[in-house]
Amino acid sequence: MNYEIHQLPGEAQVREVSYPDNNRRYFKQGDNVLLLQYLNDPQQQVYDTIKVIDAQNALGVMHLGDFPHGLEFATFVLARNNYPFEKMSVEDHQLLFADARTSVPSAALLEGQWNGNLTFVEHPNSTLINQLNPVVLQLNFATQGTQFQAAYKFGLIATGAQVELTPAYARVSDLTVFQSEIRMIDHDTLIGKWTVKDLLASFADSLRNFTEPGANQLTFYFILTRVRL
């Protein structure tokens, strides 16, 4: 319950209580609520009362003072962050990539067009930024005779508009590169990573959520979904 304010960490304690009176707009006497109190300064003067509405939602009120007589400071709604597959965390990605049930795709299985989302959130349960994660990568795999080719374009891809970061499709022809960095989850889903090596230590430290452990290298994690034409 630190609201991602790492400079002022709060040591919180949560317990269930029965609301003692009918003096509030959002709670009545006898309601079961969660009482969140902080044990350390400067948050010690703050407490929250949270009423669970259903399995996915809760209503809360932040107060200044002592429970249950504090001054109402703010109200808020909590909604469970059931993030979809494409918005997975870096930890999710690493676990799936290493899973023995994934496979290295052949050129024939890669054939076709794919859309990609980047995976960049370390802990999705503590942030909503993973919801702002549009398709930013387009890939087209094809074989011409015995030659394998992959054409890719990187940029924000949205309905009716596209901001291009690569002016045209760039092409590569080494299948082994993709086989080492991509795993197939099912016929329509690929999981992959692309690594930039030999980063300066200071640069790698500032991007530690994206780096492989123990290495000064930047790793981009992505999910590819087959485009059905």
C-alpha atoms as a PDB file:
ATOM      1  CA  MET A   1       0.000   0.000   0.000  1.00  0.00           C
ATOM      2  CA  ASN A   2       2.809   2.417  -0.811  1.00  0.00           C
ATOM      3  CA  TYR A   3       1.146   3.756  -3.974  1.00  0.00           C
ATOM      4  CA  GLU A   4       4.541   3.419  -5.710  1.00  0.00           C
ATOM      5  CA  ILE A   5       5.953   6.309  -3.632  1.00  0.00           C
ATOM      6  CA  HIS A   6       9.206   4.590  -2.781  1.00  0.00           C
ATOM      7  CA  GLN A   7      10.680   7.624  -1.000  1.00  0.00           C
ATOM      8  CA  LEU A   8       8.033   7.403   1.759  1.00  0.00           C
ATOM      9  CA  PRO A   9       7.363   3.704   2.366  1.00  0.00           C
ATOM     10  CA  GLY A  10       4.438   2.977   4.631  1.00  0.00           C
ATOM     11  CA  GLU A  11       4.408   0.141   7.146  1.00  0.00           C
ATOM     12  CA  ALA A  12       0.745  -0.856   6.918  1.00  0.00           C
ATOM     13  CA  GLN A  13      -1.404  -3.096   9.088  1.00  0.00           C
ATOM     14  CA  VAL A  14      -4.811  -4.353   7.877  1.00  0.00           C
ATOM     15  CA  ARG A  15      -7.501  -5.994  10.000  1.00  0.00           C
ATOM     16  CA  GLU A  16     -11.222  -6.655   9.662  1.00  0.00           C
ATOM     17  CA  VAL A  17     -13.506  -4.686  12.003  1.00  0.00           C
ATOM     18  CA  SER A  18     -17.214  -4.107  12.452  1.00  0.00           C
ATOM     19  CA  TYR A  19     -18.037  -0.474  11.756  1.00  0.00           C
ATOM     20  CA  PRO A  20     -19.116   1.060  15.101  1.00  0.00           C
ATOM     21  CA  ASP A  21     -21.648   3.753  14.107  1.00  0.00           C
ATOM     22  CA  ASN A  22     -23.853   5.318  11.415  1.00  0.00           C
ATOM     23  CA  ASN A  23     -21.975   8.617  11.110  1.00  0.00           C
ATOM     24  CA  ARG A  24     -20.512   8.063   7.612  1.00  0.00           C
ATOM     25  CA  ARG A  25     -21.898   8.233   4.092  1.00  0.00           C
ATOM     26  CA  TYR A  26     -20.371   5.005   2.859  1.00  0.00           C
ATOM     27  CA  PHE A  27     -20.638   2.706   5.880  1.00  0.00           C
ATOM     28  CA  LYS A  28     -23.345   1.770   8.344  1.00  0.00           C
ATOM     29  CA  GLN A  29     -23.128   0.320  11.828  1.00  0.00           C
ATOM     30  CA  GLY A  30     -22.260  -3.359  11.722  1.00  0.00           C
ATOM     31  CA  ASP A  31     -20.663  -3.325   8.243  1.00  0.00           C
ATOM     32  CA  ASN A  32     -17.602  -5.530   7.972  1.00  0.00           C
ATOM     33  CA  VAL A  33     -14.781  -3.312   6.702  1.00  0.00           C
ATOM     34  CA  LEU A  34     -11.035  -3.536   6.367  1.00  0.00           C
ATOM     35  CA  LEU A  35      -9.213  -1.013   8.538  1.00  0.00           C
ATOM     36  CA  LEU A  36      -5.795  -0.082   7.168  1.00  0.00           C
ATOM     37  CA  GLN A  37      -3.530   1.781   9.571  1.00  0.00           C
ATOM     38  CA  TYR A  38       0.090   2.839   9.264  1.00  0.00           C
ATOM     39  CA  LEU A  39       2.581   2.115  12.027  1.00  0.00           C
ATOM     40  CA  ASN A  40       5.248   4.638  10.988  1.00  0.00           C
ATOM     41  CA  ASP A  41       5.496   8.384  10.461  1.00  0.00           C
ATOM     42  CA  PRO A  42       4.523  10.424   8.545  1.00  0.00           C
ATOM     43  CA  GLN A  43       1.705   8.078   7.457  1.00  0.00           C
ATOM     44  CA  GLN A  44       0.701   7.225  11.034  1.00  0.00           C
ATOM     45  CA  GLN A  45      -1.921   9.981  11.026  1.00  0.00           C
ATOM     46  CA  VAL A  46      -3.671   8.335   8.049  1.00  0.00           C
ATOM     47  CA  TYR A  47      -6.094   5.418   8.080  1.00  0.00           C
ATOM     48  CA  ASP A  48      -8.287   3.874   5.366  1.00  0.00           C
ATOM     49  CA  THR A  49     -11.601   2.084   5.715  1.00  0.00           C
ATOM     50  CA  ILE A  50     -12.301  -0.323   2.846  1.00  0.00           C
ATOM     51  CA  LYS A  51     -15.589  -2.112   2.157  1.00  0.00           C
ATOM     52  CA  VAL A  52     -15.475  -5.100  -0.183  1.00  0.00           C
ATOM     53  CA  ILE A  53     -18.369  -4.852  -2.663  1.00  0.00           C
ATOM     54  CA  ASP A  54     -17.785  -8.095  -4.561  1.00  0.00           C
ATOM     55  CA  ALA A  55     -14.918 -10.376  -5.612  1.00  0.00           C
ATOM     56  CA  GLN A  56     -13.590  -7.746  -8.031  1.00  0.00           C
ATOM     57  CA  ASN A  57     -14.290  -4.353  -6.416  1.00  0.00           C
ATOM     58  CA  ALA A  58     -13.979  -2.462  -3.143  1.00  0.00           C
ATOM     59  CA  LEU A  59     -14.865   1.053  -1.932  1.00  0.00           C
ATOM     60  CA  GLY A  60     -12.467   2.942   0.300  1.00  0.00           C
ATOM     61  CA  VAL A  61     -12.224   6.184   2.249  1.00  0.00           C
ATOM     62  CA  MET A  62      -8.953   7.763   3.391  1.00  0.00           C
ATOM     63  CA  HIS A  63      -9.066   9.620   6.702  1.00  0.00           C
ATOM     64  CA  LEU A  64      -6.799  11.869   8.742  1.00  0.00           C
ATOM     65  CA  GLY A  65      -6.962  11.281  12.481  1.00  0.00           C
ATOM     66  CA  ASP A  66      -8.026   8.393  14.700  1.00  0.00           C
ATOM     67  CA  PHE A  67     -10.500   5.673  13.773  1.00  0.00           C
ATOM     68  CA  PRO A  68     -13.473   6.040  13.631  1.00  0.00           C
ATOM     69  CA  HIS A  69     -13.535   9.817  14.119  1.00  0.00           C
ATOM     70  CA  GLY A  70     -11.052  10.914  11.467  1.00  0.00           C
ATOM     71  CA  LEU A  71     -11.604  13.612   8.871  1.00  0.00           C
ATOM     72  CA  GLU A  72     -12.577  12.242   5.443  1.00  0.00           C
ATOM     73  CA  PHE A  73      -9.734  13.155   3.103  1.00  0.00           C
ATOM     74  CA  ALA A  74     -10.417  11.200  -0.101  1.00  0.00           C
ATOM     75  CA  THR A  75     -12.530   8.380  -1.471  1.00  0.00           C
ATOM     76  CA  PHE A  76     -11.317   5.714  -3.886  1.00  0.00           C
ATOM     77  CA  VAL A  77     -12.364   2.555  -5.677  1.00  0.00           C
ATOM     78  CA  LEU A  78     -10.200  -0.569  -5.873  1.00  0.00           C
ATOM     79  CA  ALA A  79     -10.663  -2.897  -8.855  1.00  0.00           C
ATOM     80  CA  ARG A  80      -8.876  -6.226  -9.185  1.00  0.00           C
ATOM     81  CA  ASN A  81      -6.189  -6.068 -11.879  1.00  0.00           C
ATOM     82  CA  ASN A  82      -6.921  -9.229 -13.883  1.00  0.00           C
ATOM     83  CA  TYR A  83      -4.383  -8.497 -16.568  1.00  0.00           C
ATOM     84  CA  PRO A  84      -4.786 -10.313 -19.912  1.00  0.00           C
ATOM     85  CA  PHE A  85      -2.176 -12.574 -21.462  1.00  0.00           C
ATOM     86  CA  GLU A  86      -0.707  -9.889 -23.729  1.00  0.00           C
ATOM     87  CA  LYS A  87      -0.115  -7.631 -20.697  1.00  0.00           C
ATOM     88  CA  MET A  88       1.905 -10.167 -18.717  1.00  0.00           C
ATOM     89  CA  SER A  89       4.801  -9.253 -16.463  1.00  0.00           C
ATOM     90  CA  VAL A  90       8.499  -9.804 -17.121  1.00  0.00           C
ATOM     91  CA  GLU A  91       8.440 -12.605 -14.538  1.00  0.00           C
ATOM     92  CA  ASP A  92       5.525 -14.277 -16.362  1.00  0.00           C
ATOM     93  CA  HIS A  93       7.461 -13.988 -19.622  1.00  0.00           C
ATOM     94  CA  GLN A  94      10.607 -15.532 -18.195  1.00  0.00           C
ATOM     95  CA  LEU A  95       8.693 -18.464 -16.714  1.00  0.00           C
ATOM     96  CA  LEU A  96       6.835 -19.183 -19.959  1.00  0.00           C
ATOM     97  CA  PHE A  97       9.947 -18.851 -22.118  1.00  0.00           C
ATOM     98  CA  ALA A  98      11.784 -21.408 -19.984  1.00  0.00           C
ATOM     99  CA  ASP A  99       8.854 -23.835 -19.758  1.00  0.00           C
ATOM    100  CA  ALA A 100       9.569 -27.251 -21.268  1.00  0.00           C
ATOM    101  CA  ARG A 101       6.111 -27.306 -22.873  1.00  0.00           C
ATOM    102  CA  THR A 102       7.059 -24.523 -25.288  1.00  0.00           C
ATOM    103  CA  SER A 103       8.869 -25.412 -28.514  1.00  0.00           C
ATOM    104  CA  VAL A 104      11.317 -23.919 -30.983  1.00  0.00           C
ATOM    105  CA  PRO A 105       9.261 -23.084 -34.091  1.00  0.00           C
ATOM    106  CA  SER A 106      10.215 -24.244 -37.557  1.00  0.00           C
ATOM    107  CA  ALA A 107      10.167 -21.926 -40.580  1.00  0.00           C
ATOM    108  CA  ALA A 108       6.885 -23.503 -41.702  1.00  0.00           C
ATOM    109  CA  LEU A 109       5.197 -22.759 -38.352  1.00  0.00           C
ATOM    110  CA  LEU A 110       6.434 -19.148 -38.420  1.00  0.00           C
ATOM    111  CA  GLU A 111       4.988 -18.482 -41.866  1.00  0.00           C
ATOM    112  CA  GLY A 112       2.570 -15.544 -41.907  1.00  0.00           C
ATOM    113  CA  GLN A 113       1.945 -12.169 -40.314  1.00  0.00           C
ATOM    114  CA  TRP A 114       2.228 -11.459 -36.598  1.00  0.00           C
ATOM    115  CA  ASN A 115       1.464  -8.539 -34.284  1.00  0.00           C
ATOM    116  CA  GLY A 116       3.599  -7.948 -31.208  1.00  0.00           C
ATOM    117  CA  ASN A 117       3.213  -6.397 -27.758  1.00  0.00           C
ATOM    118  CA  LEU A 118       6.191  -5.527 -25.590  1.00  0.00           C
ATOM    119  CA  THR A 119       6.379  -6.889 -22.047  1.00  0.00           C
ATOM    120  CA  PHE A 120       7.871  -4.226 -19.795  1.00  0.00           C
ATOM    121  CA  VAL A 121       6.169  -4.335 -16.391  1.00  0.00           C
ATOM    122  CA  GLU A 122       7.995  -6.130 -13.591  1.00  0.00           C
ATOM    123  CA  HIS A 123       5.033  -6.458 -11.211  1.00  0.00           C
ATOM    124  CA  PRO A 124       1.621  -5.979 -12.910  1.00  0.00           C
ATOM    125  CA  ASN A 125      -0.305  -6.262  -9.634  1.00  0.00           C
ATOM    126  CA  SER A 126       1.248  -3.010  -8.394  1.00  0.00           C
ATOM    127  CA  THR A 127       0.741  -0.868 -11.466  1.00  0.00           C
ATOM    128  CA  LEU A 128      -1.829  -0.066 -14.141  1.00  0.00           C
ATOM    129  CA  ILE A 129       0.762   0.943 -16.726  1.00  0.00           C
ATOM    130  CA  ASN A 130       0.612  -2.516 -18.296  1.00  0.00           C
ATOM    131  CA  GLN A 131      -2.886  -1.631 -19.548  1.00  0.00           C
ATOM    132  CA  LEU A 132      -1.288   1.033 -21.790  1.00  0.00           C
ATOM    133  CA  ASN A 133       0.482  -1.514 -23.942  1.00  0.00           C
ATOM    134  CA  PRO A 134      -0.635  -1.360 -27.599  1.00  0.00           C
ATOM    135  CA  VAL A 135       0.663  -3.395 -30.518  1.00  0.00           C
ATOM    136  CA  VAL A 136       4.042  -1.893 -31.486  1.00  0.00           C
ATOM    137  CA  LEU A 137       5.590  -4.610 -33.626  1.00  0.00           C
ATOM    138  CA  GLN A 138       4.637  -6.211 -36.941  1.00  0.00           C
ATOM    139  CA  LEU A 139       6.418  -9.271 -38.298  1.00  0.00           C
ATOM    140  CA  ASN A 140       6.029 -11.178 -41.537  1.00  0.00           C
ATOM    141  CA  PHE A 141       7.759 -14.553 -41.858  1.00  0.00           C
ATOM    142  CA  ALA A 142       8.085 -16.170 -45.284  1.00  0.00           C
ATOM    143  CA  THR A 143      10.177 -18.717 -47.155  1.00  0.00           C
ATOM    144  CA  GLN A 144      11.173 -18.268 -50.765  1.00  0.00           C
ATOM    145  CA  GLY A 145      12.528 -21.561 -52.032  1.00  0.00           C
ATOM    146  CA  THR A 146      15.090 -22.547 -49.399  1.00  0.00           C
ATOM    147  CA  GLN A 147      15.562 -18.969 -48.179  1.00  0.00           C
ATOM    148  CA  PHE A 148      13.897 -17.868 -44.953  1.00  0.00           C
ATOM    149  CA  GLN A 149      13.059 -14.183 -44.514  1.00  0.00           C
ATOM    150  CA  ALA A 150      11.596 -12.146 -41.680  1.00  0.00           C
ATOM    151  CA  ALA A 151      10.371  -8.619 -42.341  1.00  0.00           C
ATOM    152  CA  TYR A 152       9.629  -6.439 -39.348  1.00  0.00           C
ATOM    153  CA  LYS A 153       8.324  -2.956 -38.630  1.00  0.00           C
ATOM    154  CA  PHE A 154       8.487  -1.294 -35.222  1.00  0.00           C
ATOM    155  CA  GLY A 155       6.134   1.527 -34.232  1.00  0.00           C
ATOM    156  CA  LEU A 156       2.835   2.347 -32.548  1.00  0.00           C
ATOM    157  CA  ILE A 157       0.082   0.547 -34.407  1.00  0.00           C
ATOM    158  CA  ALA A 158      -3.462   1.734 -33.765  1.00  0.00           C
ATOM    159  CA  THR A 159      -6.763   1.696 -35.607  1.00  0.00           C
ATOM    160  CA  GLY A 160      -6.668   4.257 -38.395  1.00  0.00           C
ATOM    161  CA  ALA A 161      -3.177   5.548 -37.620  1.00  0.00           C
ATOM    162  CA  GLN A 162       0.414   4.408 -37.283  1.00  0.00           C
ATOM    163  CA  VAL A 163       3.494   6.132 -35.940  1.00  0.00           C
ATOM    164  CA  GLU A 164       6.399   4.461 -37.694  1.00  0.00           C
ATOM    165  CA  LEU A 165       9.779   4.162 -36.061  1.00  0.00           C
ATOM    166  CA  THR A 166      11.151   2.097 -38.925  1.00  0.00           C
ATOM    167  CA  PRO A 167      10.445   3.746 -42.306  1.00  0.00           C
ATOM    168  CA  ALA A 168      10.020   0.461 -44.148  1.00  0.00           C
ATOM    169  CA  TYR A 169      10.099  -3.220 -43.435  1.00  0.00           C
ATOM    170  CA  ALA A 170      13.610  -4.299 -42.500  1.00  0.00           C
ATOM    171  CA  ARG A 171      14.585  -7.813 -43.520  1.00  0.00           C
ATOM    172  CA  VAL A 172      16.703 -10.507 -41.958  1.00  0.00           C
ATOM    173  CA  SER A 173      17.357 -13.969 -43.278  1.00  0.00           C
ATOM    174  CA  ASP A 174      18.998 -15.942 -40.455  1.00  0.00           C
ATOM    175  CA  LEU A 175      16.429 -18.382 -39.086  1.00  0.00           C
ATOM    176  CA  THR A 176      18.734 -19.509 -36.270  1.00  0.00           C
ATOM    177  CA  VAL A 177      18.542 -16.038 -34.686  1.00  0.00           C
ATOM    178  CA  PHE A 178      14.779 -16.323 -34.318  1.00  0.00           C
ATOM    179  CA  GLN A 179      14.903 -19.938 -33.218  1.00  0.00           C
ATOM    180  CA  SER A 180      17.215 -19.054 -30.332  1.00  0.00           C
ATOM    181  CA  GLU A 181      15.074 -16.145 -29.151  1.00  0.00           C
ATOM    182  CA  ILE A 182      11.501 -17.306 -29.843  1.00  0.00           C
ATOM    183  CA  ARG A 183       9.386 -20.053 -28.320  1.00  0.00           C
ATOM    184  CA  MET A 184       6.001 -21.248 -29.595  1.00  0.00           C
ATOM    185  CA  ILE A 185       3.217 -21.566 -27.032  1.00  0.00           C
ATOM    186  CA  ASP A 186       0.570 -22.651 -29.538  1.00  0.00           C
ATOM    187  CA  HIS A 187      -0.092 -22.296 -33.256  1.00  0.00           C
ATOM    188  CA  ASP A 188      -1.092 -18.634 -32.916  1.00  0.00           C
ATOM    189  CA  THR A 189       1.146 -17.436 -30.069  1.00  0.00           C
ATOM    190  CA  LEU A 190       4.887 -16.849 -29.883  1.00  0.00           C
ATOM    191  CA  ILE A 191       6.899 -15.552 -26.951  1.00  0.00           C
ATOM    192  CA  GLY A 192      10.297 -14.016 -27.569  1.00  0.00           C
ATOM    193  CA  LYS A 193      13.103 -11.751 -26.446  1.00  0.00           C
ATOM    194  CA  TRP A 194      15.723  -9.661 -28.178  1.00  0.00           C
ATOM    195  CA  THR A 195      18.954  -8.755 -26.395  1.00  0.00           C
ATOM    196  CA  VAL A 196      21.290  -5.803 -26.830  1.00  0.00           C
ATOM    197  CA  LYS A 197      24.637  -6.769 -25.302  1.00  0.00           C
ATOM    198  CA  ASP A 198      27.616  -4.883 -23.868  1.00  0.00           C
ATOM    199  CA  LEU A 199      25.727  -2.083 -22.170  1.00  0.00           C
ATOM    200  CA  LEU A 200      27.518   0.333 -19.878  1.00  0.00           C
ATOM    201  CA  ALA A 201      27.014  -0.676 -16.253  1.00  0.00           C
ATOM    202  CA  SER A 202      25.432   2.679 -15.365  1.00  0.00           C
ATOM    203  CA  PHE A 203      22.964   2.401 -18.238  1.00  0.00           C
ATOM    204  CA  ALA A 204      22.078  -1.195 -17.413  1.00  0.00           C
ATOM    205  CA  ASP A 205      21.440  -0.258 -13.768  1.00  0.00           C
ATOM    206  CA  SER A 206      18.874   2.379 -14.748  1.00  0.00           C
ATOM    207  CA  LEU A 207      17.087  -0.261 -16.832  1.00  0.00           C
ATOM    208  CA  ARG A 208      17.476  -3.129 -14.364  1.00  0.00           C
ATOM    209  CA  ASN A 209      13.854  -4.249 -14.776  1.00  0.00           C
ATOM    210  CA  PHE A 210      14.655  -5.098 -18.400  1.00  0.00           C
ATOM    211  CA  THR A 211      18.055  -6.747 -18.002  1.00  0.00           C
ATOM    212  CA  GLU A 212      18.925 -10.374 -17.587  1.00  0.00           C
ATOM    213  CA  PRO A 213      20.434 -11.135 -14.121  1.00  0.00           C
ATOM    214  CA  GLY A 214      24.187 -10.680 -13.864  1.00  0.00           C
ATOM    215  CA  ALA A 215      24.699  -9.221 -17.332  1.00  0.00           C
ATOM    216  CA  ASN A 216      25.124  -5.725 -18.736  1.00  0.00           C
ATOM    217  CA  GLN A 217      22.678  -6.300 -21.522  1.00  0.00           C
ATOM    218  CA  LEU A 218      19.245  -4.926 -22.332  1.00  0.00           C
ATOM    219  CA  THR A 219      16.536  -7.460 -23.132  1.00  0.00           C
ATOM    220  CA  PHE A 220      13.264  -6.611 -24.846  1.00  0.00           C
ATOM    221  CA  TYR A 221      10.497  -9.097 -24.079  1.00  0.00           C
ATOM    222  CA  PHE A 222       7.578  -9.488 -26.478  1.00  0.00           C
ATOM    223  CA  ILE A 223       4.489 -11.537 -27.310  1.00  0.00           C
ATOM    224  CA  LEU A 224       3.572 -12.258 -30.941  1.00  0.00           C
ATOM    225  CA  THR A 225       0.027 -13.139 -32.012  1.00  0.00           C
ATOM    226  CA  ARG A 226      -0.770 -14.501 -35.463  1.00  0.00           C
ATOM    227  CA  VAL A 227      -2.817 -12.193 -37.695  1.00  0.00           C
ATOM    228  CA  ARG A 228      -5.841 -13.953 -39.139  1.00  0.00           C
ATOM    229  CA  LEU A 229      -6.510 -12.550 -42.633  1.00  0.00           C
END
